[in-house]
Amino acid sequence: MDAAAVFARLQSLVGDAVSAFTTENTKDPYCRVTPERWHDVARALGDDAELRFDFLQNLTAVDWPKKPGIEVVYHLYSYSLKHSFVV
């Protein structure tokens, strides 16, 4: 499943908890998650039969100097379905 299909499936499961799917100017397509809904999104990513993300490849954070707060970035992979996604 490509990143656009992953995002579409995820959005069908959690609605507006995910947004801003981005493919332009990036090697790794990603979407943004509403912080208050992170647990719902994480559960859907791991539990849904079409997504089954079971491996955390990388966990990092970005501290943008001109923005308040820190963004957390998860690079996920599904061994059984052989696809990846970034949130």
PDB file of N, CA and C in Angstrom:
ATOM      1  N   MET A   1       0.857  -1.170   0.000  1.00  0.00           N
ATOM      2  CA  MET A   1       0.000   0.000   0.000  1.00  0.00           C
ATOM      3  C   MET A   1       0.907   1.239   0.000  1.00  0.00           C
ATOM      4  N   ASP A   2       0.636   2.173  -0.899  1.00  0.00           N
ATOM      5  CA  ASP A   2       1.455   3.389  -0.919  1.00  0.00           C
ATOM      6  C   ASP A   2       0.969   4.375   0.150  1.00  0.00           C
ATOM      7  N   ALA A   3       1.732   5.437   0.334  1.00  0.00           N
ATOM      8  CA  ALA A   3       1.446   6.391   1.416  1.00  0.00           C
ATOM      9  C   ALA A   3       0.082   7.049   1.259  1.00  0.00           C
ATOM     10  N   ALA A   4      -0.332   7.348   0.038  1.00  0.00           N
ATOM     11  CA  ALA A   4      -1.639   7.971  -0.170  1.00  0.00           C
ATOM     12  C   ALA A   4      -2.758   7.025   0.255  1.00  0.00           C
ATOM     13  N   ALA A   5      -2.613   5.748  -0.038  1.00  0.00           N
ATOM     14  CA  ALA A   5      -3.615   4.755   0.357  1.00  0.00           C
ATOM     15  C   ALA A   5      -3.628   4.567   1.872  1.00  0.00           C
ATOM     16  N   VAL A   6      -2.449   4.592   2.487  1.00  0.00           N
ATOM     17  CA  VAL A   6      -2.375   4.501   3.950  1.00  0.00           C
ATOM     18  C   VAL A   6      -3.112   5.680   4.572  1.00  0.00           C
ATOM     19  N   PHE A   7      -2.840   6.882   4.074  1.00  0.00           N
ATOM     20  CA  PHE A   7      -3.503   8.066   4.623  1.00  0.00           C
ATOM     21  C   PHE A   7      -5.012   7.972   4.442  1.00  0.00           C
ATOM     22  N   ALA A   8      -5.469   7.566   3.270  1.00  0.00           N
ATOM     23  CA  ALA A   8      -6.904   7.455   3.013  1.00  0.00           C
ATOM     24  C   ALA A   8      -7.552   6.457   3.974  1.00  0.00           C
ATOM     25  N   ARG A   9      -6.905   5.327   4.184  1.00  0.00           N
ATOM     26  CA  ARG A   9      -7.446   4.322   5.114  1.00  0.00           C
ATOM     27  C   ARG A   9      -7.462   4.883   6.530  1.00  0.00           C
ATOM     28  N   LEU A  10      -6.373   5.504   6.934  1.00  0.00           N
ATOM     29  CA  LEU A  10      -6.288   6.069   8.277  1.00  0.00           C
ATOM     30  C   LEU A  10      -7.356   7.138   8.479  1.00  0.00           C
ATOM     31  N   GLN A  11      -7.548   7.978   7.494  1.00  0.00           N
ATOM     32  CA  GLN A  11      -8.557   9.028   7.591  1.00  0.00           C
ATOM     33  C   GLN A  11      -9.962   8.429   7.677  1.00  0.00           C
ATOM     34  N   SER A  12     -10.192   7.311   7.004  1.00  0.00           N
ATOM     35  CA  SER A  12     -11.500   6.672   7.095  1.00  0.00           C
ATOM     36  C   SER A  12     -11.748   6.103   8.492  1.00  0.00           C
ATOM     37  N   LEU A  13     -10.679   5.790   9.206  1.00  0.00           N
ATOM     38  CA  LEU A  13     -10.797   5.225  10.551  1.00  0.00           C
ATOM     39  C   LEU A  13     -10.885   6.288  11.646  1.00  0.00           C
ATOM     40  N   VAL A  14     -10.134   7.383  11.504  1.00  0.00           N
ATOM     41  CA  VAL A  14     -10.056   8.368  12.590  1.00  0.00           C
ATOM     42  C   VAL A  14     -10.509   9.770  12.177  1.00  0.00           C
ATOM     43  N   GLY A  15     -10.947   9.922  10.950  1.00  0.00           N
ATOM     44  CA  GLY A  15     -11.497  11.200  10.495  1.00  0.00           C
ATOM     45  C   GLY A  15     -10.521  12.351  10.579  1.00  0.00           C
ATOM     46  N   ASP A  16     -10.983  13.440  11.182  1.00  0.00           N
ATOM     47  CA  ASP A  16     -10.175  14.667  11.228  1.00  0.00           C
ATOM     48  C   ASP A  16      -9.050  14.638  12.255  1.00  0.00           C
ATOM     49  N   ALA A  17      -8.782  13.489  12.849  1.00  0.00           N
ATOM     50  CA  ALA A  17      -7.622  13.367  13.735  1.00  0.00           C
ATOM     51  C   ALA A  17      -6.324  13.414  12.939  1.00  0.00           C
ATOM     52  N   VAL A  18      -6.411  13.145  11.635  1.00  0.00           N
ATOM     53  CA  VAL A  18      -5.244  13.245  10.754  1.00  0.00           C
ATOM     54  C   VAL A  18      -5.546  14.269   9.669  1.00  0.00           C
ATOM     55  N   SER A  19      -4.497  14.963   9.229  1.00  0.00           N
ATOM     56  CA  SER A  19      -4.674  15.999   8.205  1.00  0.00           C
ATOM     57  C   SER A  19      -3.342  16.299   7.545  1.00  0.00           C
ATOM     58  N   ALA A  20      -3.377  17.220   6.612  1.00  0.00           N
ATOM     59  CA  ALA A  20      -2.181  17.769   5.967  1.00  0.00           C
ATOM     60  C   ALA A  20      -1.270  16.687   5.398  1.00  0.00           C
ATOM     61  N   PHE A  21      -1.868  15.733   4.662  1.00  0.00           N
ATOM     62  CA  PHE A  21      -1.044  14.717   4.006  1.00  0.00           C
ATOM     63  C   PHE A  21      -0.144  15.412   2.999  1.00  0.00           C
ATOM     64  N   THR A  22       1.148  15.150   3.054  1.00  0.00           N
ATOM     65  CA  THR A  22       2.139  15.860   2.242  1.00  0.00           C
ATOM     66  C   THR A  22       3.035  14.886   1.505  1.00  0.00           C
ATOM     67  N   THR A  23       3.160  15.081   0.197  1.00  0.00           N
ATOM     68  CA  THR A  23       4.079  14.290  -0.618  1.00  0.00           C
ATOM     69  C   THR A  23       5.103  15.165  -1.324  1.00  0.00           C
ATOM     70  N   GLU A  24       4.800  16.448  -1.439  1.00  0.00           N
ATOM     71  CA  GLU A  24       5.674  17.352  -2.180  1.00  0.00           C
ATOM     72  C   GLU A  24       6.921  17.720  -1.385  1.00  0.00           C
ATOM     73  N   ASN A  25       8.049  17.779  -2.086  1.00  0.00           N
ATOM     74  CA  ASN A  25       9.325  18.193  -1.505  1.00  0.00           C
ATOM     75  C   ASN A  25       9.735  17.362  -0.295  1.00  0.00           C
ATOM     76  N   THR A  26       9.390  16.084  -0.295  1.00  0.00           N
ATOM     77  CA  THR A  26       9.799  15.224   0.808  1.00  0.00           C
ATOM     78  C   THR A  26      10.053  13.816   0.297  1.00  0.00           C
ATOM     79  N   LYS A  27      11.047  13.184   0.847  1.00  0.00           N
ATOM     80  CA  LYS A  27      11.348  11.794   0.502  1.00  0.00           C
ATOM     81  C   LYS A  27      10.332  10.858   1.144  1.00  0.00           C
ATOM     82  N   ASP A  28       9.850  11.229   2.316  1.00  0.00           N
ATOM     83  CA  ASP A  28       8.921  10.405   3.076  1.00  0.00           C
ATOM     84  C   ASP A  28       7.588  11.128   3.228  1.00  0.00           C
ATOM     85  N   PRO A  29       6.561  10.724   2.477  1.00  0.00           N
ATOM     86  CA  PRO A  29       5.243  11.337   2.651  1.00  0.00           C
ATOM     87  C   PRO A  29       4.781  11.203   4.103  1.00  0.00           C
ATOM     88  N   TYR A  30       4.063  12.201   4.571  1.00  0.00           N
ATOM     89  CA  TYR A  30       3.651  12.192   5.975  1.00  0.00           C
ATOM     90  C   TYR A  30       2.316  12.896   6.140  1.00  0.00           C
ATOM     91  N   CYS A  31       1.741  12.729   7.322  1.00  0.00           N
ATOM     92  CA  CYS A  31       0.547  13.485   7.687  1.00  0.00           C
ATOM     93  C   CYS A  31       0.723  14.006   9.100  1.00  0.00           C
ATOM     94  N   ARG A  32      -0.117  14.936   9.450  1.00  0.00           N
ATOM     95  CA  ARG A  32      -0.120  15.505  10.799  1.00  0.00           C
ATOM     96  C   ARG A  32      -1.253  14.883  11.598  1.00  0.00           C
ATOM     97  N   VAL A  33      -1.039  14.798  12.909  1.00  0.00           N
ATOM     98  CA  VAL A  33      -2.014  14.207  13.818  1.00  0.00           C
ATOM     99  C   VAL A  33      -2.399  15.244  14.864  1.00  0.00           C
ATOM    100  N   THR A  34      -3.688  15.349  15.146  1.00  0.00           N
ATOM    101  CA  THR A  34      -4.153  16.198  16.240  1.00  0.00           C
ATOM    102  C   THR A  34      -3.616  15.600  17.539  1.00  0.00           C
ATOM    103  N   PRO A  35      -2.815  16.351  18.300  1.00  0.00           N
ATOM    104  CA  PRO A  35      -2.165  15.769  19.494  1.00  0.00           C
ATOM    105  C   PRO A  35      -3.130  15.060  20.451  1.00  0.00           C
ATOM    106  N   GLU A  36      -4.296  15.644  20.650  1.00  0.00           N
ATOM    107  CA  GLU A  36      -5.258  15.054  21.593  1.00  0.00           C
ATOM    108  C   GLU A  36      -5.801  13.712  21.104  1.00  0.00           C
ATOM    109  N   ARG A  37      -5.641  13.422  19.827  1.00  0.00           N
ATOM    110  CA  ARG A  37      -6.173  12.182  19.244  1.00  0.00           C
ATOM    111  C   ARG A  37      -5.076  11.174  18.919  1.00  0.00           C
ATOM    112  N   TRP A  38      -3.834  11.443  19.369  1.00  0.00           N
ATOM    113  CA  TRP A  38      -2.714  10.566  19.020  1.00  0.00           C
ATOM    114  C   TRP A  38      -2.980   9.116  19.398  1.00  0.00           C
ATOM    115  N   HIS A  39      -3.543   8.855  20.567  1.00  0.00           N
ATOM    116  CA  HIS A  39      -3.777   7.466  20.979  1.00  0.00           C
ATOM    117  C   HIS A  39      -4.742   6.752  20.035  1.00  0.00           C
ATOM    118  N   ASP A  40      -5.779   7.438  19.574  1.00  0.00           N
ATOM    119  CA  ASP A  40      -6.718   6.847  18.612  1.00  0.00           C
ATOM    120  C   ASP A  40      -6.014   6.513  17.296  1.00  0.00           C
ATOM    121  N   VAL A  41      -5.186   7.436  16.846  1.00  0.00           N
ATOM    122  CA  VAL A  41      -4.456   7.240  15.594  1.00  0.00           C
ATOM    123  C   VAL A  41      -3.467   6.091  15.736  1.00  0.00           C
ATOM    124  N   ALA A  42      -2.716   6.061  16.820  1.00  0.00           N
ATOM    125  CA  ALA A  42      -1.733   4.999  17.039  1.00  0.00           C
ATOM    126  C   ALA A  42      -2.406   3.632  17.097  1.00  0.00           C
ATOM    127  N   ARG A  43      -3.539   3.563  17.759  1.00  0.00           N
ATOM    128  CA  ARG A  43      -4.273   2.296  17.848  1.00  0.00           C
ATOM    129  C   ARG A  43      -4.735   1.845  16.461  1.00  0.00           C
ATOM    130  N   ALA A  44      -5.244   2.772  15.660  1.00  0.00           N
ATOM    131  CA  ALA A  44      -5.685   2.432  14.310  1.00  0.00           C
ATOM    132  C   ALA A  44      -4.508   1.966  13.449  1.00  0.00           C
ATOM    133  N   LEU A  45      -3.387   2.646  13.556  1.00  0.00           N
ATOM    134  CA  LEU A  45      -2.205   2.264  12.779  1.00  0.00           C
ATOM    135  C   LEU A  45      -1.735   0.849  13.106  1.00  0.00           C
ATOM    136  N   GLY A  46      -1.822   0.468  14.353  1.00  0.00           N
ATOM    137  CA  GLY A  46      -1.352  -0.849  14.753  1.00  0.00           C
ATOM    138  C   GLY A  46      -2.384  -1.951  14.648  1.00  0.00           C
ATOM    139  N   ASP A  47      -3.640  -1.637  14.912  1.00  0.00           N
ATOM    140  CA  ASP A  47      -4.669  -2.670  15.016  1.00  0.00           C
ATOM    141  C   ASP A  47      -5.428  -2.949  13.728  1.00  0.00           C
ATOM    142  N   ASP A  48      -5.508  -1.984  12.828  1.00  0.00           N
ATOM    143  CA  ASP A  48      -6.301  -2.186  11.625  1.00  0.00           C
ATOM    144  C   ASP A  48      -5.643  -3.230  10.717  1.00  0.00           C
ATOM    145  N   ALA A  49      -6.439  -4.172  10.212  1.00  0.00           N
ATOM    146  CA  ALA A  49      -5.925  -5.275   9.390  1.00  0.00           C
ATOM    147  C   ALA A  49      -5.296  -4.795   8.080  1.00  0.00           C
ATOM    148  N   GLU A  50      -5.732  -3.648   7.553  1.00  0.00           N
ATOM    149  CA  GLU A  50      -5.168  -3.136   6.305  1.00  0.00           C
ATOM    150  C   GLU A  50      -3.909  -2.298   6.516  1.00  0.00           C
ATOM    151  N   LEU A  51      -3.651  -1.892   7.746  1.00  0.00           N
ATOM    152  CA  LEU A  51      -2.469  -1.070   8.044  1.00  0.00           C
ATOM    153  C   LEU A  51      -1.389  -1.872   8.772  1.00  0.00           C
ATOM    154  N   ARG A  52      -1.728  -2.468   9.878  1.00  0.00           N
ATOM    155  CA  ARG A  52      -0.844  -3.335  10.674  1.00  0.00           C
ATOM    156  C   ARG A  52       0.596  -2.847  10.832  1.00  0.00           C
ATOM    157  N   PHE A  53       0.771  -1.605  11.224  1.00  0.00           N
ATOM    158  CA  PHE A  53       2.125  -1.117  11.487  1.00  0.00           C
ATOM    159  C   PHE A  53       2.597  -1.719  12.796  1.00  0.00           C
ATOM    160  N   ASP A  54       3.668  -2.516  12.718  1.00  0.00           N
ATOM    161  CA  ASP A  54       4.133  -3.254  13.886  1.00  0.00           C
ATOM    162  C   ASP A  54       5.582  -2.952  14.262  1.00  0.00           C
ATOM    163  N   PHE A  55       6.181  -1.974  13.583  1.00  0.00           N
ATOM    164  CA  PHE A  55       7.583  -1.671  13.857  1.00  0.00           C
ATOM    165  C   PHE A  55       7.812  -0.158  13.811  1.00  0.00           C
ATOM    166  N   LEU A  56       8.415   0.356  14.858  1.00  0.00           N
ATOM    167  CA  LEU A  56       8.805   1.766  14.911  1.00  0.00           C
ATOM    168  C   LEU A  56      10.239   1.865  14.407  1.00  0.00           C
ATOM    169  N   GLN A  57      10.406   2.348  13.183  1.00  0.00           N
ATOM    170  CA  GLN A  57      11.734   2.462  12.582  1.00  0.00           C
ATOM    171  C   GLN A  57      12.553   3.578  13.205  1.00  0.00           C
ATOM    172  N   ASN A  58      11.892   4.687  13.467  1.00  0.00           N
ATOM    173  CA  ASN A  58      12.602   5.855  13.959  1.00  0.00           C
ATOM    174  C   ASN A  58      11.625   6.745  14.727  1.00  0.00           C
ATOM    175  N   LEU A  59      12.089   7.294  15.801  1.00  0.00           N
ATOM    176  CA  LEU A  59      11.323   8.263  16.580  1.00  0.00           C
ATOM    177  C   LEU A  59      12.238   9.445  16.820  1.00  0.00           C
ATOM    178  N   THR A  60      11.807  10.601  16.391  1.00  0.00           N
ATOM    179  CA  THR A  60      12.619  11.801  16.551  1.00  0.00           C
ATOM    180  C   THR A  60      11.702  12.983  16.825  1.00  0.00           C
ATOM    181  N   ALA A  61      12.285  14.140  17.003  1.00  0.00           N
ATOM    182  CA  ALA A  61      11.500  15.352  17.247  1.00  0.00           C
ATOM    183  C   ALA A  61      12.175  16.525  16.557  1.00  0.00           C
ATOM    184  N   VAL A  62      11.356  17.528  16.250  1.00  0.00           N
ATOM    185  CA  VAL A  62      11.854  18.740  15.605  1.00  0.00           C
ATOM    186  C   VAL A  62      11.455  19.925  16.467  1.00  0.00           C
ATOM    187  N   ASP A  63      12.430  20.745  16.803  1.00  0.00           N
ATOM    188  CA  ASP A  63      12.186  21.971  17.558  1.00  0.00           C
ATOM    189  C   ASP A  63      12.400  23.135  16.602  1.00  0.00           C
ATOM    190  N   TRP A  64      11.299  23.647  16.068  1.00  0.00           N
ATOM    191  CA  TRP A  64      11.385  24.772  15.139  1.00  0.00           C
ATOM    192  C   TRP A  64      11.631  26.047  15.946  1.00  0.00           C
ATOM    193  N   PRO A  65      12.721  26.765  15.685  1.00  0.00           N
ATOM    194  CA  PRO A  65      13.061  27.948  16.487  1.00  0.00           C
ATOM    195  C   PRO A  65      11.983  29.044  16.503  1.00  0.00           C
ATOM    196  N   LYS A  66      11.251  29.205  15.415  1.00  0.00           N
ATOM    197  CA  LYS A  66      10.270  30.287  15.347  1.00  0.00           C
ATOM    198  C   LYS A  66       8.847  29.837  15.638  1.00  0.00           C
ATOM    199  N   LYS A  67       8.666  28.569  16.037  1.00  0.00           N
ATOM    200  CA  LYS A  67       7.340  28.056  16.375  1.00  0.00           C
ATOM    201  C   LYS A  67       7.344  27.576  17.820  1.00  0.00           C
ATOM    202  N   PRO A  68       6.235  27.733  18.515  1.00  0.00           N
ATOM    203  CA  PRO A  68       6.179  27.191  19.876  1.00  0.00           C
ATOM    204  C   PRO A  68       6.008  25.673  19.833  1.00  0.00           C
ATOM    205  N   GLY A  69       6.602  24.989  20.780  1.00  0.00           N
ATOM    206  CA  GLY A  69       6.424  23.549  20.895  1.00  0.00           C
ATOM    207  C   GLY A  69       7.419  22.745  20.080  1.00  0.00           C
ATOM    208  N   ILE A  70       7.338  21.444  20.249  1.00  0.00           N
ATOM    209  CA  ILE A  70       8.199  20.484  19.561  1.00  0.00           C
ATOM    210  C   ILE A  70       7.305  19.501  18.820  1.00  0.00           C
ATOM    211  N   GLU A  71       7.665  19.172  17.595  1.00  0.00           N
ATOM    212  CA  GLU A  71       6.925  18.184  16.815  1.00  0.00           C
ATOM    213  C   GLU A  71       7.612  16.831  16.951  1.00  0.00           C
ATOM    214  N   VAL A  72       6.838  15.793  17.221  1.00  0.00           N
ATOM    215  CA  VAL A  72       7.350  14.433  17.321  1.00  0.00           C
ATOM    216  C   VAL A  72       7.075  13.737  15.995  1.00  0.00           C
ATOM    217  N   VAL A  73       8.058  12.989  15.477  1.00  0.00           N
ATOM    218  CA  VAL A  73       7.945  12.341  14.176  1.00  0.00           C
ATOM    219  C   VAL A  73       8.162  10.841  14.342  1.00  0.00           C
ATOM    220  N   TYR A  74       7.192  10.051  13.878  1.00  0.00           N
ATOM    221  CA  TYR A  74       7.261   8.592  13.937  1.00  0.00           C
ATOM    222  C   TYR A  74       7.384   8.029  12.526  1.00  0.00           C
ATOM    223  N   HIS A  75       8.405   7.231  12.280  1.00  0.00           N
ATOM    224  CA  HIS A  75       8.554   6.498  11.023  1.00  0.00           C
ATOM    225  C   HIS A  75       8.144   5.056  11.329  1.00  0.00           C
ATOM    226  N   LEU A  76       7.056   4.617  10.695  1.00  0.00           N
ATOM    227  CA  LEU A  76       6.482   3.305  10.989  1.00  0.00           C
ATOM    228  C   LEU A  76       6.641   2.363   9.807  1.00  0.00           C
ATOM    229  N   TYR A  77       6.676   1.052  10.113  1.00  0.00           N
ATOM    230  CA  TYR A  77       6.791   0.033   9.071  1.00  0.00           C
ATOM    231  C   TYR A  77       5.925  -1.165   9.438  1.00  0.00           C
ATOM    232  N   SER A  78       5.348  -1.792   8.421  1.00  0.00           N
ATOM    233  CA  SER A  78       4.590  -3.027   8.620  1.00  0.00           C
ATOM    234  C   SER A  78       5.378  -4.171   7.997  1.00  0.00           C
ATOM    235  N   TYR A  79       5.882  -5.080   8.830  1.00  0.00           N
ATOM    236  CA  TYR A  79       6.611  -6.237   8.306  1.00  0.00           C
ATOM    237  C   TYR A  79       5.692  -7.153   7.507  1.00  0.00           C
ATOM    238  N   SER A  80       4.491  -7.366   7.985  1.00  0.00           N
ATOM    239  CA  SER A  80       3.598  -8.301   7.307  1.00  0.00           C
ATOM    240  C   SER A  80       3.068  -7.758   5.979  1.00  0.00           C
ATOM    241  N   LEU A  81       2.853  -6.446   5.890  1.00  0.00           N
ATOM    242  CA  LEU A  81       2.291  -5.857   4.665  1.00  0.00           C
ATOM    243  C   LEU A  81       3.325  -5.102   3.831  1.00  0.00           C
ATOM    244  N   LYS A  82       4.521  -4.941   4.357  1.00  0.00           N
ATOM    245  CA  LYS A  82       5.650  -4.325   3.626  1.00  0.00           C
ATOM    246  C   LYS A  82       5.371  -2.896   3.149  1.00  0.00           C
ATOM    247  N   HIS A  83       4.808  -2.084   4.041  1.00  0.00           N
ATOM    248  CA  HIS A  83       4.644  -0.674   3.707  1.00  0.00           C
ATOM    249  C   HIS A  83       5.075   0.191   4.899  1.00  0.00           C
ATOM    250  N   SER A  84       5.323   1.470   4.591  1.00  0.00           N
ATOM    251  CA  SER A  84       5.795   2.391   5.633  1.00  0.00           C
ATOM    252  C   SER A  84       4.985   3.689   5.565  1.00  0.00           C
ATOM    253  N   PHE A  85       5.081   4.446   6.651  1.00  0.00           N
ATOM    254  CA  PHE A  85       4.372   5.721   6.719  1.00  0.00           C
ATOM    255  C   PHE A  85       4.999   6.562   7.818  1.00  0.00           C
ATOM    256  N   VAL A  86       4.847   7.874   7.682  1.00  0.00           N
ATOM    257  CA  VAL A  86       5.398   8.816   8.656  1.00  0.00           C
ATOM    258  C   VAL A  86       4.259   9.665   9.205  1.00  0.00           C
ATOM    259  N   VAL A  87       4.198   9.785  10.527  1.00  0.00           N
ATOM    260  CA  VAL A  87       3.214  10.660  11.190  1.00  0.00           C
ATOM    261  C   VAL A  87       3.944  11.575  12.135  1.00  0.00           C
TER     262      VAL A  87
END
